[in-house]
Amino acid sequence: IGLRRPQPALFQGIAWGTQSVLTQTLARAAQLKLQVAQLPAIWDVDDATDWQRYQAFVRSSNASAIE
């Protein structure tokens, strides 16, 4: 999440670690009248294995874009 200024209320009362985090966060952003733009969804990057998977994904995506 990128923000121009801190928005602590955006993160309060969210059921972290659940399948509803995105839905709850988007609903809270709407309540706060924040502008939202979403990038294409990928998987969570929570640990070193996820990070390595993401790096491989980016490398292959960049290679495909160049060809």
PDB file of N, CA and C in Angstrom:
ATOM      1  N   ILE A   1       0.854  -1.168   0.000  1.00  0.00           N
ATOM      2  CA  ILE A   1       0.000   0.000   0.000  1.00  0.00           C
ATOM      3  C   ILE A   1       0.897   1.226   0.000  1.00  0.00           C
ATOM      4  N   GLY A   2       0.640   2.114  -0.938  1.00  0.00           N
ATOM      5  CA  GLY A   2       1.363   3.376  -0.992  1.00  0.00           C
ATOM      6  C   GLY A   2       0.434   4.505  -0.573  1.00  0.00           C
ATOM      7  N   LEU A   3       0.925   5.364   0.271  1.00  0.00           N
ATOM      8  CA  LEU A   3       0.119   6.476   0.769  1.00  0.00           C
ATOM      9  C   LEU A   3       0.911   7.770   0.669  1.00  0.00           C
ATOM     10  N   ARG A   4       0.218   8.858   0.401  1.00  0.00           N
ATOM     11  CA  ARG A   4       0.871  10.167   0.370  1.00  0.00           C
ATOM     12  C   ARG A   4       1.146  10.685   1.775  1.00  0.00           C
ATOM     13  N   ARG A   5       0.299  10.307   2.716  1.00  0.00           N
ATOM     14  CA  ARG A   5       0.482  10.696   4.118  1.00  0.00           C
ATOM     15  C   ARG A   5      -0.065   9.564   4.991  1.00  0.00           C
ATOM     16  N   PRO A   6       0.351   9.509   6.230  1.00  0.00           N
ATOM     17  CA  PRO A   6      -0.124   8.442   7.116  1.00  0.00           C
ATOM     18  C   PRO A   6      -1.658   8.430   7.218  1.00  0.00           C
ATOM     19  N   GLN A   7      -2.215   7.231   7.239  1.00  0.00           N
ATOM     20  CA  GLN A   7      -3.660   7.017   7.384  1.00  0.00           C
ATOM     21  C   GLN A   7      -3.880   5.896   8.399  1.00  0.00           C
ATOM     22  N   PRO A   8      -3.591   6.139   9.683  1.00  0.00           N
ATOM     23  CA  PRO A   8      -3.707   5.076  10.678  1.00  0.00           C
ATOM     24  C   PRO A   8      -5.083   4.423  10.712  1.00  0.00           C
ATOM     25  N   ALA A   9      -6.147   5.175  10.481  1.00  0.00           N
ATOM     26  CA  ALA A   9      -7.506   4.621  10.527  1.00  0.00           C
ATOM     27  C   ALA A   9      -7.723   3.557   9.463  1.00  0.00           C
ATOM     28  N   LEU A  10      -6.949   3.612   8.387  1.00  0.00           N
ATOM     29  CA  LEU A  10      -7.083   2.627   7.311  1.00  0.00           C
ATOM     30  C   LEU A  10      -6.778   1.216   7.819  1.00  0.00           C
ATOM     31  N   PHE A  11      -5.926   1.108   8.804  1.00  0.00           N
ATOM     32  CA  PHE A  11      -5.443  -0.195   9.261  1.00  0.00           C
ATOM     33  C   PHE A  11      -6.087  -0.680  10.556  1.00  0.00           C
ATOM     34  N   GLN A  12      -6.977   0.092  11.120  1.00  0.00           N
ATOM     35  CA  GLN A  12      -7.598  -0.298  12.392  1.00  0.00           C
ATOM     36  C   GLN A  12      -8.797  -1.205  12.160  1.00  0.00           C
ATOM     37  N   GLY A  13      -8.893  -2.251  12.961  1.00  0.00           N
ATOM     38  CA  GLY A  13     -10.038  -3.145  12.901  1.00  0.00           C
ATOM     39  C   GLY A  13     -10.030  -4.112  11.724  1.00  0.00           C
ATOM     40  N   ILE A  14      -8.887  -4.304  11.100  1.00  0.00           N
ATOM     41  CA  ILE A  14      -8.764  -5.242   9.979  1.00  0.00           C
ATOM     42  C   ILE A  14      -8.434  -6.624  10.549  1.00  0.00           C
ATOM     43  N   ALA A  15      -9.082  -7.651  10.041  1.00  0.00           N
ATOM     44  CA  ALA A  15      -8.821  -9.032  10.482  1.00  0.00           C
ATOM     45  C   ALA A  15      -7.593  -9.563   9.744  1.00  0.00           C
ATOM     46  N   TRP A  16      -6.419  -9.134  10.194  1.00  0.00           N
ATOM     47  CA  TRP A  16      -5.160  -9.505   9.538  1.00  0.00           C
ATOM     48  C   TRP A  16      -4.977 -11.019   9.502  1.00  0.00           C
ATOM     49  N   GLY A  17      -4.369 -11.494   8.420  1.00  0.00           N
ATOM     50  CA  GLY A  17      -4.100 -12.914   8.276  1.00  0.00           C
ATOM     51  C   GLY A  17      -5.301 -13.717   7.813  1.00  0.00           C
ATOM     52  N   THR A  18      -6.358 -13.047   7.388  1.00  0.00           N
ATOM     53  CA  THR A  18      -7.553 -13.744   6.920  1.00  0.00           C
ATOM     54  C   THR A  18      -7.767 -13.472   5.436  1.00  0.00           C
ATOM     55  N   GLN A  19      -8.713 -14.190   4.860  1.00  0.00           N
ATOM     56  CA  GLN A  19      -9.036 -14.012   3.443  1.00  0.00           C
ATOM     57  C   GLN A  19      -9.768 -12.697   3.176  1.00  0.00           C
ATOM     58  N   SER A  20     -10.192 -12.002   4.223  1.00  0.00           N
ATOM     59  CA  SER A  20     -10.993 -10.787   4.035  1.00  0.00           C
ATOM     60  C   SER A  20     -10.193  -9.495   4.178  1.00  0.00           C
ATOM     61  N   VAL A  21      -8.884  -9.585   4.291  1.00  0.00           N
ATOM     62  CA  VAL A  21      -8.066  -8.383   4.490  1.00  0.00           C
ATOM     63  C   VAL A  21      -8.271  -7.377   3.356  1.00  0.00           C
ATOM     64  N   LEU A  22      -8.184  -7.811   2.115  1.00  0.00           N
ATOM     65  CA  LEU A  22      -8.327  -6.894   0.989  1.00  0.00           C
ATOM     66  C   LEU A  22      -9.712  -6.258   0.975  1.00  0.00           C
ATOM     67  N   THR A  23     -10.733  -7.064   1.132  1.00  0.00           N
ATOM     68  CA  THR A  23     -12.108  -6.545   1.129  1.00  0.00           C
ATOM     69  C   THR A  23     -12.304  -5.526   2.239  1.00  0.00           C
ATOM     70  N   GLN A  24     -11.829  -5.848   3.424  1.00  0.00           N
ATOM     71  CA  GLN A  24     -11.976  -4.936   4.555  1.00  0.00           C
ATOM     72  C   GLN A  24     -11.194  -3.640   4.339  1.00  0.00           C
ATOM     73  N   THR A  25      -9.991  -3.756   3.815  1.00  0.00           N
ATOM     74  CA  THR A  25      -9.156  -2.580   3.587  1.00  0.00           C
ATOM     75  C   THR A  25      -9.767  -1.674   2.524  1.00  0.00           C
ATOM     76  N   LEU A  26     -10.282  -2.260   1.449  1.00  0.00           N
ATOM     77  CA  LEU A  26     -10.928  -1.454   0.408  1.00  0.00           C
ATOM     78  C   LEU A  26     -12.181  -0.768   0.941  1.00  0.00           C
ATOM     79  N   ALA A  27     -12.942  -1.469   1.778  1.00  0.00           N
ATOM     80  CA  ALA A  27     -14.141  -0.871   2.372  1.00  0.00           C
ATOM     81  C   ALA A  27     -13.755   0.284   3.286  1.00  0.00           C
ATOM     82  N   ARG A  28     -12.702   0.108   4.073  1.00  0.00           N
ATOM     83  CA  ARG A  28     -12.246   1.174   4.966  1.00  0.00           C
ATOM     84  C   ARG A  28     -11.753   2.362   4.149  1.00  0.00           C
ATOM     85  N   ALA A  29     -11.023   2.116   3.070  1.00  0.00           N
ATOM     86  CA  ALA A  29     -10.554   3.211   2.210  1.00  0.00           C
ATOM     87  C   ALA A  29     -11.740   3.990   1.649  1.00  0.00           C
ATOM     88  N   ALA A  30     -12.788   3.291   1.254  1.00  0.00           N
ATOM     89  CA  ALA A  30     -13.992   3.964   0.742  1.00  0.00           C
ATOM     90  C   ALA A  30     -14.627   4.811   1.838  1.00  0.00           C
ATOM     91  N   GLN A  31     -14.704   4.281   3.054  1.00  0.00           N
ATOM     92  CA  GLN A  31     -15.268   5.040   4.175  1.00  0.00           C
ATOM     93  C   GLN A  31     -14.478   6.321   4.434  1.00  0.00           C
ATOM     94  N   LEU A  32     -13.153   6.216   4.261  1.00  0.00           N
ATOM     95  CA  LEU A  32     -12.277   7.363   4.496  1.00  0.00           C
ATOM     96  C   LEU A  32     -12.164   8.265   3.273  1.00  0.00           C
ATOM     97  N   LYS A  33     -12.874   7.888   2.202  1.00  0.00           N
ATOM     98  CA  LYS A  33     -12.861   8.637   0.946  1.00  0.00           C
ATOM     99  C   LYS A  33     -11.450   8.766   0.366  1.00  0.00           C
ATOM    100  N   LEU A  34     -10.704   7.665   0.446  1.00  0.00           N
ATOM    101  CA  LEU A  34      -9.363   7.608  -0.128  1.00  0.00           C
ATOM    102  C   LEU A  34      -9.444   7.087  -1.557  1.00  0.00           C
ATOM    103  N   GLN A  35      -8.640   7.633  -2.430  1.00  0.00           N
ATOM    104  CA  GLN A  35      -8.570   7.151  -3.812  1.00  0.00           C
ATOM    105  C   GLN A  35      -7.756   5.862  -3.831  1.00  0.00           C
ATOM    106  N   VAL A  36      -8.255   4.865  -4.545  1.00  0.00           N
ATOM    107  CA  VAL A  36      -7.612   3.546  -4.573  1.00  0.00           C
ATOM    108  C   VAL A  36      -7.300   3.163  -6.017  1.00  0.00           C
ATOM    109  N   ALA A  37      -6.107   2.644  -6.227  1.00  0.00           N
ATOM    110  CA  ALA A  37      -5.719   2.038  -7.500  1.00  0.00           C
ATOM    111  C   ALA A  37      -5.076   0.700  -7.160  1.00  0.00           C
ATOM    112  N   GLN A  38      -5.487  -0.352  -7.855  1.00  0.00           N
ATOM    113  CA  GLN A  38      -4.956  -1.685  -7.570  1.00  0.00           C
ATOM    114  C   GLN A  38      -4.097  -2.176  -8.722  1.00  0.00           C
ATOM    115  N   LEU A  39      -2.961  -2.745  -8.371  1.00  0.00           N
ATOM    116  CA  LEU A  39      -2.095  -3.408  -9.335  1.00  0.00           C
ATOM    117  C   LEU A  39      -2.590  -4.838  -9.514  1.00  0.00           C
ATOM    118  N   PRO A  40      -2.146  -5.535 -10.555  1.00  0.00           N
ATOM    119  CA  PRO A  40      -2.540  -6.936 -10.698  1.00  0.00           C
ATOM    120  C   PRO A  40      -2.139  -7.730  -9.451  1.00  0.00           C
ATOM    121  N   ALA A  41      -2.999  -8.617  -9.034  1.00  0.00           N
ATOM    122  CA  ALA A  41      -2.756  -9.406  -7.822  1.00  0.00           C
ATOM    123  C   ALA A  41      -1.768 -10.530  -8.085  1.00  0.00           C
ATOM    124  N   ILE A  42      -0.902 -10.736  -7.121  1.00  0.00           N
ATOM    125  CA  ILE A  42      -0.024 -11.915  -7.088  1.00  0.00           C
ATOM    126  C   ILE A  42      -0.193 -12.526  -5.700  1.00  0.00           C
ATOM    127  N   TRP A  43       0.687 -13.383  -5.318  1.00  0.00           N
ATOM    128  CA  TRP A  43       0.621 -14.028  -4.016  1.00  0.00           C
ATOM    129  C   TRP A  43       1.274 -13.131  -2.960  1.00  0.00           C
ATOM    130  N   ASP A  44       1.000 -13.428  -1.684  1.00  0.00           N
ATOM    131  CA  ASP A  44       1.646 -12.704  -0.588  1.00  0.00           C
ATOM    132  C   ASP A  44       3.136 -13.018  -0.574  1.00  0.00           C
ATOM    133  N   VAL A  45       3.930 -12.035  -0.238  1.00  0.00           N
ATOM    134  CA  VAL A  45       5.364 -12.234  -0.051  1.00  0.00           C
ATOM    135  C   VAL A  45       5.623 -12.091   1.443  1.00  0.00           C
ATOM    136  N   ASP A  46       5.660 -13.249   2.121  1.00  0.00           N
ATOM    137  CA  ASP A  46       5.775 -13.276   3.581  1.00  0.00           C
ATOM    138  C   ASP A  46       7.117 -13.780   4.097  1.00  0.00           C
ATOM    139  N   ASP A  47       7.870 -14.467   3.248  1.00  0.00           N
ATOM    140  CA  ASP A  47       9.128 -15.030   3.726  1.00  0.00           C
ATOM    141  C   ASP A  47      10.124 -15.107   2.569  1.00  0.00           C
ATOM    142  N   ALA A  48      11.314 -15.625   2.854  1.00  0.00           N
ATOM    143  CA  ALA A  48      12.388 -15.667   1.855  1.00  0.00           C
ATOM    144  C   ALA A  48      12.010 -16.510   0.644  1.00  0.00           C
ATOM    145  N   THR A  49      11.300 -17.594   0.848  1.00  0.00           N
ATOM    146  CA  THR A  49      10.883 -18.439  -0.281  1.00  0.00           C
ATOM    147  C   THR A  49       9.926 -17.677  -1.192  1.00  0.00           C
ATOM    148  N   ASP A  50       8.978 -16.963  -0.590  1.00  0.00           N
ATOM    149  CA  ASP A  50       8.052 -16.140  -1.385  1.00  0.00           C
ATOM    150  C   ASP A  50       8.809 -15.075  -2.163  1.00  0.00           C
ATOM    151  N   TRP A  51       9.811 -14.451  -1.529  1.00  0.00           N
ATOM    152  CA  TRP A  51      10.591 -13.402  -2.174  1.00  0.00           C
ATOM    153  C   TRP A  51      11.356 -13.970  -3.367  1.00  0.00           C
ATOM    154  N   GLN A  52      11.941 -15.142  -3.210  1.00  0.00           N
ATOM    155  CA  GLN A  52      12.658 -15.774  -4.320  1.00  0.00           C
ATOM    156  C   GLN A  52      11.703 -16.096  -5.461  1.00  0.00           C
ATOM    157  N   ARG A  53      10.527 -16.583  -5.139  1.00  0.00           N
ATOM    158  CA  ARG A  53       9.506 -16.866  -6.152  1.00  0.00           C
ATOM    159  C   ARG A  53       9.136 -15.577  -6.889  1.00  0.00           C
ATOM    160  N   TYR A  54       8.964 -14.494  -6.146  1.00  0.00           N
ATOM    161  CA  TYR A  54       8.624 -13.215  -6.756  1.00  0.00           C
ATOM    162  C   TYR A  54       9.745 -12.729  -7.669  1.00  0.00           C
ATOM    163  N   GLN A  55      10.982 -12.835  -7.227  1.00  0.00           N
ATOM    164  CA  GLN A  55      12.108 -12.413  -8.055  1.00  0.00           C
ATOM    165  C   GLN A  55      12.161 -13.206  -9.359  1.00  0.00           C
ATOM    166  N   ALA A  56      11.920 -14.513  -9.297  1.00  0.00           N
ATOM    167  CA  ALA A  56      11.897 -15.338 -10.506  1.00  0.00           C
ATOM    168  C   ALA A  56      10.756 -14.907 -11.418  1.00  0.00           C
ATOM    169  N   PHE A  57       9.615 -14.592 -10.843  1.00  0.00           N
ATOM    170  CA  PHE A  57       8.463 -14.114 -11.611  1.00  0.00           C
ATOM    171  C   PHE A  57       8.801 -12.820 -12.338  1.00  0.00           C
ATOM    172  N   VAL A  58       9.441 -11.890 -11.637  1.00  0.00           N
ATOM    173  CA  VAL A  58       9.807 -10.609 -12.258  1.00  0.00           C
ATOM    174  C   VAL A  58      10.811 -10.824 -13.374  1.00  0.00           C
ATOM    175  N   ARG A  59      11.798 -11.671 -13.135  1.00  0.00           N
ATOM    176  CA  ARG A  59      12.801 -11.950 -14.183  1.00  0.00           C
ATOM    177  C   ARG A  59      12.139 -12.517 -15.426  1.00  0.00           C
ATOM    178  N   SER A  60      11.233 -13.479 -15.237  1.00  0.00           N
ATOM    179  CA  SER A  60      10.568 -14.094 -16.405  1.00  0.00           C
ATOM    180  C   SER A  60       9.615 -13.117 -17.066  1.00  0.00           C
ATOM    181  N   SER A  61       8.973 -12.260 -16.302  1.00  0.00           N
ATOM    182  CA  SER A  61       8.068 -11.249 -16.876  1.00  0.00           C
ATOM    183  C   SER A  61       8.850 -10.243 -17.690  1.00  0.00           C
ATOM    184  N   ASN A  62      10.009  -9.817 -17.175  1.00  0.00           N
ATOM    185  CA  ASN A  62      10.847  -8.862 -17.906  1.00  0.00           C
ATOM    186  C   ASN A  62      11.400  -9.490 -19.162  1.00  0.00           C
ATOM    187  N   ALA A  63      11.768 -10.756 -19.109  1.00  0.00           N
ATOM    188  CA  ALA A  63      12.297 -11.434 -20.288  1.00  0.00           C
ATOM    189  C   ALA A  63      11.204 -11.538 -21.353  1.00  0.00           C
ATOM    190  N   SER A  64       9.975 -11.826 -20.945  1.00  0.00           N
ATOM    191  CA  SER A  64       8.874 -11.920 -21.893  1.00  0.00           C
ATOM    192  C   SER A  64       8.574 -10.568 -22.530  1.00  0.00           C
ATOM    193  N   ALA A  65       8.711  -9.505 -21.770  1.00  0.00           N
ATOM    194  CA  ALA A  65       8.414  -8.162 -22.269  1.00  0.00           C
ATOM    195  C   ALA A  65       9.458  -7.715 -23.282  1.00  0.00           C
ATOM    196  N   ILE A  66      10.690  -8.213 -23.127  1.00  0.00           N
ATOM    197  CA  ILE A  66      11.777  -7.828 -24.021  1.00  0.00           C
ATOM    198  C   ILE A  66      11.677  -8.542 -25.367  1.00  0.00           C
ATOM    199  N   GLU A  67      11.191  -9.773 -25.357  1.00  0.00           N
ATOM    200  CA  GLU A  67      11.155 -10.579 -26.585  1.00  0.00           C
ATOM    201  C   GLU A  67      10.167 -10.074 -27.586  1.00  0.00           C
TER     202      GLU A  67
END
